[in-house]
Amino acid sequence: MKYEADVCIVGAGPGGALLAYLLAKQNISVLLLEKSATIGKAFRGEHLNEEGEAILKKHRLFEALEESGLLRMEQLELWQDGVELKKILPHPQIGHLSIHVPQVNLLSVILNEAKKFPHFTLMLETNVEKLLQNESGHYCGVLARHNEHEIEISSKLIVGADGRYSTIRRQSNIEMVKRKHGFDLLWARIPTPIGWKPSIKMTMIDGKQLALFTQAQGYIQIGWNIDQGSFSELRKQPFTLFIDQLIKAFPMLTEAVQKHIKSWQDFVLLDVFSSQCKCWGTKGLVLLGDAVHTMTPTGAFGLNSALKDADCLASLIAERGLQGFDVTQYENLRQAAIEEVQAIQIEKEQSFSSQFKNKPQ
């Protein structure tokens, strides 16, 4: 089966979904491909910062997002030895530190708006297998498998928004420079205790960062840094010793932790690294989000950077059209900003322990 579209976007995460919507608004036909059977299934970052919030407000998506459910963080707390060491409050004019948005809510809002345009199509369970090139080497489409049927899609532009292990990046032979940060991350989720304020709480355990992020819909997300590559050995140790450290750091979580974290299987492992590509695209093809610049979880910049990529890319296409779009201009506009954010992440990781040198009184 054959399909045609002006733009074929691979990956229906926030960046790909937002770009699809913004292009559909420009009367550009868009096919958005997603390999999963449902949207928002994979675990990803879910915190909006001021820049991400501003982009959603710019495109009049934030009001519907607020109606679907989000949670504003009221404070950041540093804890040590089970005691609060320091509290940081938001600027009064802003009123919050960040916003937790369940990714399924964010994607649903964006895609519901995109579906209002007849020239937008979302294809779930669609896995790209091969990029297509014309005689001059210009990328002109993809071969994919949709519901077990092979399909061919022709397009004027292919957008790789398919994440840190991007198929589009790999098949287009765009080189990625990868940097390890010395740690991996374990995620877990528990219900919030009664009276829990929307907050981010951080501490150090054996020289490693542990963070609690309050989530919408009554949950706390636990993010625990461990030594890079150590999880297989860690799982050989008694699980209770690990949980005892968590309870000692945050005693008010004792009941929730003991009830809802029963084994190592209740944690999800994230292989932590950052990356940048030496180029952000080529003839007929462009990358955005984690596909072109993977972030670490530090500071929750990944989601917001992908939204900024999509906003920038859509603006350039609006100005120049698909024929006049130049990937180098997009790269020049975004690359320096990404390098700055990644430098901030490294600085935050290296300086985190310095906040805990003084014992609470």
Protein backbone atom coordinates (compact mmCIF):
# COMPACT_ATOMS: atom_id res chain seq x y z
CA MET A 1 0.00 0.00 0.00
CA LYS A 2 1.27 3.48 -0.86
CA TYR A 3 0.73 6.81 0.89
CA GLU A 4 1.79 10.36 0.12
CA ALA A 5 2.28 13.36 2.39
CA ASP A 6 4.19 16.62 2.31
CA VAL A 7 5.89 15.66 5.59
CA CYS A 8 6.38 12.27 7.22
CA ILE A 9 7.17 12.56 10.95
CA VAL A 10 8.51 9.45 12.68
CA GLY A 11 7.82 9.41 16.42
CA ALA A 12 4.67 10.69 18.15
CA GLY A 13 6.29 12.01 21.31
CA PRO A 14 5.73 15.64 22.32
CA GLY A 15 8.16 17.09 19.75
CA GLY A 16 6.84 15.07 16.83
CA ALA A 17 3.21 15.62 17.81
CA LEU A 18 3.64 19.37 18.22
CA LEU A 19 5.41 19.70 14.88
CA ALA A 20 2.67 17.67 13.17
CA TYR A 21 0.01 19.98 14.58
CA LEU A 22 1.86 23.17 13.67
CA LEU A 23 2.47 21.98 10.11
CA ALA A 24 -1.13 20.82 9.68
CA LYS A 25 -2.20 24.35 10.68
CA GLN A 26 -0.13 25.59 7.72
CA ASN A 27 -2.15 23.43 5.29
CA ILE A 28 0.77 21.01 4.97
CA SER A 29 -0.23 17.35 4.73
CA VAL A 30 1.35 15.33 7.53
CA LEU A 31 1.69 11.64 8.30
CA LEU A 32 2.73 11.04 11.93
CA LEU A 33 4.05 7.52 12.51
CA GLU A 34 4.31 5.87 15.93
CA LYS A 35 5.56 2.33 16.51
CA SER A 36 3.59 1.85 19.76
CA ALA A 37 -0.05 0.81 19.78
CA THR A 38 -0.99 3.69 22.09
CA ILE A 39 0.35 7.17 22.67
CA GLY A 40 2.36 8.04 25.75
CA LYS A 41 3.09 4.41 26.58
CA ALA A 42 6.87 4.71 26.96
CA PHE A 43 8.27 6.35 30.09
CA ARG A 44 9.61 9.86 29.40
CA GLY A 45 10.18 13.16 31.17
CA GLU A 46 6.99 14.94 32.11
CA HIS A 47 7.98 18.29 33.64
CA LEU A 48 7.40 21.58 31.82
CA ASN A 49 9.69 24.49 32.55
CA GLU A 50 8.94 28.14 31.72
CA GLU A 51 10.08 27.74 28.11
CA GLY A 52 7.92 24.69 27.45
CA GLU A 53 4.95 26.35 29.13
CA ALA A 54 5.44 29.48 26.98
CA ILE A 55 5.45 27.45 23.75
CA LEU A 56 2.19 25.70 24.64
CA LYS A 57 0.61 29.04 25.54
CA LYS A 58 1.90 30.58 22.31
CA HIS A 59 0.05 27.94 20.33
CA ARG A 60 -3.06 28.06 22.55
CA LEU A 61 -2.69 24.53 23.83
CA PHE A 62 -2.09 25.21 27.51
CA GLU A 63 -5.68 25.91 28.53
CA ALA A 64 -6.87 22.53 27.24
CA LEU A 65 -3.86 20.90 28.87
CA GLU A 66 -4.76 22.45 32.20
CA GLU A 67 -8.29 21.10 31.87
CA SER A 68 -6.93 17.61 31.16
CA GLY A 69 -4.84 17.62 34.34
CA LEU A 70 -1.50 18.98 35.46
CA LEU A 71 0.20 19.88 38.74
CA ARG A 72 2.30 22.95 39.59
CA MET A 73 5.28 22.39 41.89
CA GLU A 74 5.04 24.72 44.90
CA GLN A 75 8.51 24.23 46.37
CA LEU A 76 11.90 22.54 46.07
CA GLU A 77 13.29 20.95 49.24
CA LEU A 78 16.75 19.68 50.08
CA TRP A 79 16.81 16.94 52.70
CA GLN A 80 19.62 15.37 54.70
CA ASP A 81 19.48 12.47 57.18
CA GLY A 82 15.68 12.52 57.16
CA VAL A 83 15.45 16.24 57.96
CA GLU A 84 14.62 19.16 55.70
CA LEU A 85 17.78 21.19 55.14
CA LYS A 86 16.57 23.95 52.83
CA LYS A 87 13.39 25.08 51.06
CA ILE A 88 13.29 27.01 47.78
CA LEU A 89 10.07 28.80 46.81
CA PRO A 90 9.09 30.07 43.35
CA HIS A 91 9.23 33.71 42.31
CA PRO A 92 5.90 35.29 43.38
CA GLN A 93 5.15 36.43 39.82
CA ILE A 94 5.60 32.90 38.46
CA GLY A 95 3.98 31.02 41.33
CA HIS A 96 5.49 27.61 40.63
CA LEU A 97 8.84 25.96 39.98
CA SER A 98 7.78 23.57 37.22
CA ILE A 99 4.65 21.79 36.06
CA HIS A 100 4.08 18.06 36.01
CA VAL A 101 2.08 17.03 32.96
CA PRO A 102 1.26 13.35 32.37
CA GLN A 103 2.57 12.73 28.88
CA VAL A 104 -0.62 11.04 27.74
CA ASN A 105 -2.48 14.26 28.64
CA LEU A 106 -0.02 16.42 26.70
CA LEU A 107 -0.10 14.19 23.64
CA SER A 108 -3.88 13.86 23.71
CA VAL A 109 -4.32 17.63 23.76
CA ILE A 110 -1.91 18.21 20.88
CA LEU A 111 -3.19 15.35 18.75
CA ASN A 112 -6.85 16.22 19.32
CA GLU A 113 -6.11 19.65 17.83
CA ALA A 114 -4.14 18.14 14.95
CA LYS A 115 -7.01 15.76 14.10
CA LYS A 116 -9.22 18.74 13.33
CA PHE A 117 -7.28 19.11 10.07
CA PRO A 118 -8.21 16.64 7.28
CA HIS A 119 -4.63 16.57 5.98
CA PHE A 120 -3.26 15.18 9.27
CA THR A 121 -3.02 11.41 9.78
CA LEU A 122 -1.73 9.51 12.81
CA MET A 123 -0.64 5.92 12.16
CA LEU A 124 0.00 3.83 15.28
CA GLU A 125 1.76 0.45 15.26
CA THR A 126 3.90 1.65 12.36
CA ASN A 127 7.56 0.72 12.39
CA VAL A 128 9.93 2.31 9.86
CA GLU A 129 12.22 -0.25 8.26
CA LYS A 130 13.99 1.67 5.50
CA LEU A 131 14.55 5.19 4.22
CA LEU A 132 13.97 5.84 0.52
CA GLN A 133 16.18 8.04 -1.68
CA ASN A 134 15.74 9.32 -5.23
CA GLU A 135 18.39 9.26 -7.97
CA SER A 136 20.11 12.39 -6.62
CA GLY A 137 20.39 10.95 -3.11
CA HIS A 138 17.57 13.12 -1.75
CA TYR A 139 15.49 11.36 0.93
CA CYS A 140 11.97 11.03 -0.41
CA GLY A 141 10.09 8.60 1.80
CA VAL A 142 10.11 5.49 3.97
CA LEU A 143 9.22 1.83 3.85
CA ALA A 144 7.38 0.81 7.00
CA ARG A 145 5.31 -1.96 8.49
CA HIS A 146 1.84 -0.97 9.66
CA ASN A 147 -0.32 -3.59 11.39
CA GLU A 148 1.95 -6.26 9.87
CA HIS A 149 1.42 -4.88 6.34
CA GLU A 150 4.27 -3.32 4.38
CA ILE A 151 3.56 0.26 3.31
CA GLU A 152 5.46 2.84 1.28
CA ILE A 153 5.24 6.53 2.15
CA SER A 154 6.41 9.28 -0.21
CA SER A 155 7.13 12.69 1.27
CA LYS A 156 8.97 15.94 0.60
CA LEU A 157 10.47 15.95 4.11
CA ILE A 158 11.16 13.18 6.62
CA VAL A 159 11.42 14.20 10.28
CA GLY A 160 13.13 11.90 12.76
CA ALA A 161 11.47 12.52 16.12
CA ASP A 162 11.95 8.93 17.20
CA GLY A 163 14.00 9.36 20.34
CA ARG A 164 17.43 8.61 21.72
CA TYR A 165 17.82 5.37 19.74
CA SER A 166 16.49 6.93 16.53
CA THR A 167 16.05 4.65 13.54
CA ILE A 168 15.96 7.67 11.23
CA ARG A 169 19.28 8.97 12.53
CA ARG A 170 20.91 5.58 12.22
CA GLN A 171 19.64 4.84 8.73
CA SER A 172 20.60 8.28 7.42
CA ASN A 173 24.16 7.73 8.75
CA ILE A 174 24.14 10.94 10.78
CA GLU A 175 26.94 10.67 13.31
CA MET A 176 26.11 11.01 17.00
CA VAL A 177 28.68 11.97 19.64
CA LYS A 178 27.71 10.26 22.90
CA ARG A 179 28.77 11.24 26.40
CA LYS A 180 28.39 9.10 29.52
CA HIS A 181 27.81 10.86 32.84
CA GLY A 182 28.92 8.17 35.27
CA PHE A 183 25.45 7.25 36.50
CA ASP A 184 22.25 5.48 35.50
CA LEU A 185 18.83 6.14 36.96
CA LEU A 186 16.25 3.98 38.66
CA TRP A 187 12.63 5.15 38.47
CA ALA A 188 9.76 4.01 40.67
CA ARG A 189 6.31 5.38 41.48
CA ILE A 190 4.25 5.33 44.67
CA PRO A 191 1.00 7.03 45.78
CA THR A 192 1.35 10.33 47.60
CA PRO A 193 0.71 10.27 51.37
CA ILE A 194 -2.18 12.36 52.67
CA GLY A 195 -1.28 16.05 52.98
CA TRP A 196 1.68 15.85 50.59
CA LYS A 197 2.42 19.22 48.98
CA PRO A 198 3.22 19.46 45.25
CA SER A 199 6.99 19.58 45.52
CA ILE A 200 10.37 18.29 44.43
CA LYS A 201 12.47 16.82 47.23
CA MET A 202 16.16 15.94 46.86
CA THR A 203 18.78 14.28 49.01
CA MET A 204 22.08 12.37 48.84
CA ILE A 205 22.49 8.68 49.67
CA ASP A 206 26.02 7.27 49.64
CA GLY A 207 27.12 10.15 47.44
CA LYS A 208 24.30 9.62 44.91
CA GLN A 209 21.33 11.86 44.17
CA LEU A 210 17.82 10.76 45.12
CA ALA A 211 14.86 12.90 44.04
CA LEU A 212 11.12 12.79 44.62
CA PHE A 213 8.87 14.45 42.04
CA THR A 214 5.22 14.95 42.89
CA GLN A 215 3.00 13.96 39.98
CA ALA A 216 -0.53 14.80 38.94
CA GLN A 217 -3.15 12.14 39.71
CA GLY A 218 -1.76 11.43 43.18
CA TYR A 219 1.68 9.91 42.68
CA ILE A 220 5.31 10.48 43.59
CA GLN A 221 8.02 9.61 41.08
CA ILE A 222 11.25 8.42 42.65
CA GLY A 223 14.47 9.01 40.73
CA TRP A 224 17.57 7.36 42.20
CA ASN A 225 21.02 7.72 40.66
CA ILE A 226 23.21 4.61 40.72
CA ASP A 227 26.71 3.95 39.39
CA GLN A 228 26.76 3.54 35.64
CA GLY A 229 26.27 -0.09 34.63
CA SER A 230 25.82 -1.27 38.23
CA PHE A 231 22.20 -2.41 38.20
CA SER A 232 22.88 -6.04 37.34
CA GLU A 233 25.15 -6.35 40.40
CA LEU A 234 22.86 -4.24 42.56
CA ARG A 235 19.98 -6.63 41.90
CA LYS A 236 22.01 -9.44 43.47
CA GLN A 237 21.94 -7.61 46.83
CA PRO A 238 19.04 -7.88 49.30
CA PHE A 239 16.28 -5.54 48.16
CA THR A 240 15.35 -4.51 51.69
CA LEU A 241 18.70 -2.80 52.29
CA PHE A 242 18.04 -0.51 49.34
CA ILE A 243 14.52 0.33 50.51
CA ASP A 244 15.69 0.97 54.08
CA GLN A 245 17.92 3.75 52.76
CA LEU A 246 14.96 5.36 50.99
CA ILE A 247 12.82 5.23 54.13
CA LYS A 248 15.63 6.65 56.28
CA ALA A 249 16.04 9.55 53.86
CA PHE A 250 12.29 10.29 53.77
CA PRO A 251 10.62 8.74 56.83
CA MET A 252 7.16 10.05 55.87
CA LEU A 253 7.20 7.62 52.93
CA THR A 254 7.56 4.50 55.09
CA GLU A 255 4.03 3.15 54.63
CA ALA A 256 3.79 3.96 50.91
CA VAL A 257 7.20 2.49 50.12
CA GLN A 258 6.66 -0.72 52.08
CA LYS A 259 3.25 -1.22 50.49
CA HIS A 260 4.05 -0.40 46.86
CA ILE A 261 7.72 -1.25 46.28
CA LYS A 262 8.09 -4.99 46.74
CA SER A 263 11.08 -5.93 44.57
CA TRP A 264 13.67 -4.71 42.09
CA GLN A 265 11.03 -5.24 39.41
CA ASP A 266 9.19 -2.17 40.69
CA PHE A 267 12.03 -0.01 39.34
CA VAL A 268 12.61 0.98 35.71
CA LEU A 269 16.23 1.45 34.63
CA LEU A 270 17.24 4.41 32.46
CA ASP A 271 20.60 4.18 30.71
CA VAL A 272 21.82 7.76 31.20
CA PHE A 273 23.82 9.55 28.52
CA SER A 274 23.77 12.78 26.56
CA SER A 275 24.52 13.20 22.89
CA GLN A 276 24.73 15.64 20.01
CA CYS A 277 24.78 15.07 16.29
CA LYS A 278 27.37 16.76 14.12
CA CYS A 279 24.62 17.70 11.70
CA TRP A 280 20.87 17.98 12.28
CA GLY A 281 19.74 16.70 8.91
CA THR A 282 20.47 16.32 5.24
CA LYS A 283 18.63 16.58 1.93
CA GLY A 284 14.98 15.84 2.59
CA LEU A 285 15.51 14.80 6.22
CA VAL A 286 15.77 16.53 9.60
CA LEU A 287 16.01 15.42 13.25
CA LEU A 288 14.52 16.88 16.42
CA GLY A 289 14.43 16.20 20.15
CA ASP A 290 16.31 13.24 21.60
CA ALA A 291 17.01 11.94 18.09
CA VAL A 292 19.47 14.79 17.57
CA HIS A 293 20.42 15.81 21.14
CA THR A 294 19.74 13.35 23.94
CA MET A 295 19.58 14.95 27.39
CA THR A 296 20.15 13.45 30.81
CA PRO A 297 17.21 13.66 33.25
CA THR A 298 18.98 16.47 35.17
CA GLY A 299 16.85 19.61 35.24
CA ALA A 300 14.09 18.02 33.11
CA PHE A 301 15.22 19.81 29.94
CA GLY A 302 14.53 17.05 27.40
CA LEU A 303 10.78 17.54 26.92
CA ASN A 304 11.08 21.30 26.77
CA SER A 305 13.97 21.21 24.30
CA ALA A 306 11.95 18.96 21.97
CA LEU A 307 9.02 21.40 22.08
CA LYS A 308 11.40 24.27 21.23
CA ASP A 309 12.85 22.29 18.32
CA ALA A 310 9.36 21.70 16.92
CA ASP A 311 8.38 25.34 17.34
CA CYS A 312 11.58 26.52 15.62
CA LEU A 313 11.25 24.03 12.77
CA ALA A 314 7.60 24.88 12.13
CA SER A 315 8.41 28.61 12.10
CA LEU A 316 11.18 28.16 9.53
CA ILE A 317 8.93 26.09 7.28
CA ALA A 318 6.20 28.72 7.60
CA GLU A 319 8.66 31.42 6.54
CA ARG A 320 10.36 29.58 3.67
CA GLY A 321 8.06 26.75 2.67
CA LEU A 322 9.14 23.15 2.31
CA GLN A 323 11.09 23.87 -0.87
CA GLY A 324 13.00 26.77 0.67
CA PHE A 325 13.63 25.18 4.06
CA ASP A 326 17.32 24.89 4.90
CA VAL A 327 18.28 22.46 7.66
CA THR A 328 21.49 24.38 8.41
CA GLN A 329 19.48 27.41 9.49
CA TYR A 330 17.48 25.26 11.90
CA GLU A 331 20.71 23.75 13.20
CA ASN A 332 22.30 27.18 13.65
CA LEU A 333 19.28 28.48 15.55
CA ARG A 334 19.05 25.55 17.97
CA GLN A 335 22.51 24.03 18.37
CA ALA A 336 24.04 26.74 20.57
CA ALA A 337 21.02 26.66 22.88
CA ILE A 338 21.29 22.88 23.23
CA GLU A 339 25.01 23.07 23.97
CA GLU A 340 24.24 25.63 26.69
CA VAL A 341 21.58 23.43 28.27
CA GLN A 342 23.84 20.38 28.23
CA ALA A 343 26.60 22.42 29.89
CA ILE A 344 24.10 23.46 32.58
CA GLN A 345 23.21 19.81 33.15
CA ILE A 346 26.86 18.86 33.65
CA GLU A 347 27.38 21.75 36.07
CA LYS A 348 24.28 20.76 38.07
CA GLU A 349 25.44 17.15 38.29
CA GLN A 350 28.95 18.08 39.38
CA SER A 351 27.85 20.65 41.98
CA PHE A 352 24.85 18.81 43.43
CA SER A 353 26.68 17.36 46.44
CA SER A 354 27.98 20.78 47.52
CA GLN A 355 24.47 21.69 48.70
CA PHE A 356 24.64 19.05 51.43
CA LYS A 357 27.94 19.85 53.14
CA ASN A 358 26.33 21.57 56.12
CA LYS A 359 24.32 19.46 58.50
CA PRO A 360 20.84 20.71 59.47
CA GLN A 361 20.72 22.39 62.85
